[in-house]
Amino acid sequence: MVDIFVVAILVALIRAGNLMSITPGPAALAFGGVVVITMLAAMSFDPRLIWDDPVVPHRKRLT
């Protein structure tokens, strides 16, 4: 979902280029990195694992 938001912002900024001057600063690179990391995290996250029962190792009986 973040990637769609970023694309929408970039398209809006490009179309508004006639009205204003846009110069990306050092934060643009950091923001791009955060977007990429967020997309990778969303691909590797499995929400079903939250609902699984935790694996509890059984203790051996001393007999």
N, C-alpha and C. Protein backbone atom coordinates (compact mmCIF):
# COMPACT_ATOMS: atom_id res chain seq x y z
N MET A 1 0.82 -1.19 0.00
CA MET A 1 0.00 0.00 0.00
C MET A 1 0.87 1.26 0.00
N VAL A 2 2.01 1.18 0.63
CA VAL A 2 2.91 2.34 0.68
C VAL A 2 3.41 2.68 -0.71
N ASP A 3 3.69 1.65 -1.52
CA ASP A 3 4.22 1.92 -2.85
C ASP A 3 3.20 2.66 -3.72
N ILE A 4 1.92 2.37 -3.56
CA ILE A 4 0.89 3.09 -4.31
C ILE A 4 0.83 4.55 -3.88
N PHE A 5 0.97 4.78 -2.59
CA PHE A 5 0.98 6.14 -2.06
C PHE A 5 2.16 6.92 -2.61
N VAL A 6 3.33 6.31 -2.65
CA VAL A 6 4.53 6.98 -3.16
C VAL A 6 4.37 7.31 -4.64
N VAL A 7 3.85 6.38 -5.41
CA VAL A 7 3.65 6.64 -6.84
C VAL A 7 2.65 7.78 -7.04
N ALA A 8 1.59 7.81 -6.25
CA ALA A 8 0.60 8.88 -6.36
C ALA A 8 1.22 10.24 -6.04
N ILE A 9 2.06 10.29 -5.02
CA ILE A 9 2.72 11.55 -4.67
C ILE A 9 3.67 11.99 -5.78
N LEU A 10 4.44 11.05 -6.31
CA LEU A 10 5.38 11.40 -7.38
C LEU A 10 4.66 11.90 -8.63
N VAL A 11 3.56 11.27 -8.99
CA VAL A 11 2.79 11.72 -10.16
C VAL A 11 2.24 13.12 -9.91
N ALA A 12 1.73 13.37 -8.72
CA ALA A 12 1.19 14.69 -8.41
C ALA A 12 2.29 15.75 -8.44
N LEU A 13 3.47 15.42 -7.96
CA LEU A 13 4.57 16.39 -7.98
C LEU A 13 5.05 16.66 -9.40
N ILE A 14 5.08 15.65 -10.22
CA ILE A 14 5.53 15.84 -11.61
C ILE A 14 4.52 16.69 -12.38
N ARG A 15 3.24 16.45 -12.15
CA ARG A 15 2.21 17.23 -12.85
C ARG A 15 2.18 18.68 -12.37
N ALA A 16 2.57 18.93 -11.13
CA ALA A 16 2.57 20.28 -10.59
C ALA A 16 3.91 20.98 -10.84
N GLY A 17 4.74 20.40 -11.68
CA GLY A 17 6.06 20.97 -11.95
C GLY A 17 6.00 22.35 -12.59
N ASN A 18 4.93 22.66 -13.29
CA ASN A 18 4.79 23.98 -13.91
C ASN A 18 4.52 25.06 -12.87
N LEU A 19 3.95 24.68 -11.75
CA LEU A 19 3.58 25.66 -10.73
C LEU A 19 4.67 25.89 -9.69
N MET A 20 5.55 24.92 -9.52
CA MET A 20 6.55 25.04 -8.46
C MET A 20 7.85 24.37 -8.88
N SER A 21 8.87 24.64 -8.11
CA SER A 21 10.17 24.03 -8.36
C SER A 21 10.41 22.95 -7.31
N ILE A 22 10.78 21.76 -7.76
CA ILE A 22 10.98 20.63 -6.85
C ILE A 22 12.44 20.22 -6.90
N THR A 23 13.09 20.22 -5.74
CA THR A 23 14.48 19.75 -5.66
C THR A 23 14.55 18.71 -4.54
N PRO A 24 14.84 17.47 -4.88
CA PRO A 24 14.93 16.45 -3.84
C PRO A 24 16.18 16.66 -2.99
N GLY A 25 16.01 16.56 -1.71
CA GLY A 25 17.13 16.70 -0.79
C GLY A 25 17.62 15.34 -0.33
N PRO A 26 18.47 15.31 0.69
CA PRO A 26 18.99 14.03 1.18
C PRO A 26 17.91 13.14 1.80
N ALA A 27 16.81 13.73 2.21
CA ALA A 27 15.74 12.91 2.81
C ALA A 27 15.03 12.06 1.76
N ALA A 28 15.12 12.44 0.48
CA ALA A 28 14.46 11.66 -0.57
C ALA A 28 15.07 10.27 -0.66
N LEU A 29 16.39 10.18 -0.54
CA LEU A 29 17.05 8.88 -0.57
C LEU A 29 16.67 8.03 0.65
N ALA A 30 16.61 8.66 1.82
CA ALA A 30 16.21 7.94 3.03
C ALA A 30 14.76 7.47 2.93
N PHE A 31 13.90 8.31 2.41
CA PHE A 31 12.49 7.93 2.25
C PHE A 31 12.34 6.78 1.27
N GLY A 32 13.08 6.83 0.18
CA GLY A 32 13.05 5.72 -0.78
C GLY A 32 13.52 4.42 -0.16
N GLY A 33 14.57 4.50 0.67
CA GLY A 33 15.06 3.30 1.36
C GLY A 33 14.03 2.73 2.31
N VAL A 34 13.35 3.60 3.04
CA VAL A 34 12.32 3.14 3.97
C VAL A 34 11.17 2.50 3.22
N VAL A 35 10.81 3.04 2.07
CA VAL A 35 9.73 2.46 1.28
C VAL A 35 10.11 1.06 0.81
N VAL A 36 11.35 0.90 0.33
CA VAL A 36 11.80 -0.41 -0.14
C VAL A 36 11.83 -1.41 1.02
N ILE A 37 12.36 -1.00 2.16
CA ILE A 37 12.43 -1.90 3.33
C ILE A 37 11.02 -2.27 3.79
N THR A 38 10.09 -1.33 3.78
CA THR A 38 8.71 -1.62 4.17
C THR A 38 8.07 -2.62 3.22
N MET A 39 8.33 -2.47 1.92
CA MET A 39 7.78 -3.42 0.95
C MET A 39 8.35 -4.81 1.16
N LEU A 40 9.65 -4.92 1.43
CA LEU A 40 10.26 -6.23 1.68
C LEU A 40 9.73 -6.85 2.96
N ALA A 41 9.54 -6.03 3.99
CA ALA A 41 9.00 -6.55 5.25
C ALA A 41 7.57 -7.04 5.07
N ALA A 42 6.79 -6.33 4.29
CA ALA A 42 5.40 -6.75 4.06
C ALA A 42 5.35 -8.06 3.28
N MET A 43 6.30 -8.28 2.38
CA MET A 43 6.32 -9.53 1.62
C MET A 43 6.73 -10.72 2.48
N SER A 44 7.62 -10.50 3.46
CA SER A 44 8.11 -11.61 4.26
C SER A 44 7.28 -11.86 5.52
N PHE A 45 6.38 -10.96 5.88
CA PHE A 45 5.58 -11.10 7.09
C PHE A 45 4.39 -12.01 6.82
N ASP A 46 4.18 -12.98 7.69
CA ASP A 46 3.04 -13.89 7.58
C ASP A 46 2.15 -13.70 8.80
N PRO A 47 1.02 -13.00 8.67
CA PRO A 47 0.19 -12.73 9.83
C PRO A 47 -0.44 -13.98 10.44
N ARG A 48 -0.48 -15.08 9.70
CA ARG A 48 -1.05 -16.31 10.26
C ARG A 48 -0.19 -16.85 11.40
N LEU A 49 1.10 -16.51 11.40
CA LEU A 49 1.98 -17.01 12.46
C LEU A 49 1.62 -16.43 13.82
N ILE A 50 0.97 -15.29 13.84
CA ILE A 50 0.56 -14.68 15.11
C ILE A 50 -0.47 -15.56 15.81
N TRP A 51 -1.33 -16.22 15.04
CA TRP A 51 -2.42 -16.99 15.61
C TRP A 51 -2.06 -18.43 15.89
N ASP A 52 -0.90 -18.90 15.46
CA ASP A 52 -0.49 -20.27 15.74
C ASP A 52 -0.14 -20.43 17.21
N ASP A 53 -0.39 -21.63 17.73
CA ASP A 53 0.00 -21.92 19.11
C ASP A 53 1.52 -21.99 19.20
N PRO A 54 2.08 -21.48 20.29
CA PRO A 54 3.54 -21.58 20.42
C PRO A 54 3.95 -23.03 20.66
N VAL A 55 5.09 -23.37 20.16
CA VAL A 55 5.61 -24.72 20.33
C VAL A 55 6.28 -24.79 21.70
N VAL A 56 5.73 -25.63 22.57
CA VAL A 56 6.27 -25.79 23.92
C VAL A 56 6.94 -27.16 23.98
N PRO A 57 8.23 -27.19 24.22
CA PRO A 57 8.89 -28.50 24.29
C PRO A 57 8.44 -29.27 25.53
N HIS A 58 8.23 -30.57 25.36
CA HIS A 58 7.81 -31.40 26.48
C HIS A 58 9.03 -31.78 27.31
N ARG A 59 8.84 -31.71 28.60
CA ARG A 59 9.94 -32.10 29.49
C ARG A 59 9.92 -33.60 29.68
N LYS A 60 11.08 -34.16 29.72
CA LYS A 60 11.18 -35.61 29.94
C LYS A 60 10.89 -35.92 31.40
N ARG A 61 10.21 -37.04 31.61
CA ARG A 61 9.93 -37.46 32.98
C ARG A 61 11.14 -38.18 33.54
N LEU A 62 11.44 -37.89 34.75
CA LEU A 62 12.53 -38.58 35.44
C LEU A 62 11.94 -39.77 36.19
N THR A 63 12.10 -40.96 35.66
CA THR A 63 11.55 -42.15 36.33
C THR A 63 12.62 -43.15 36.62
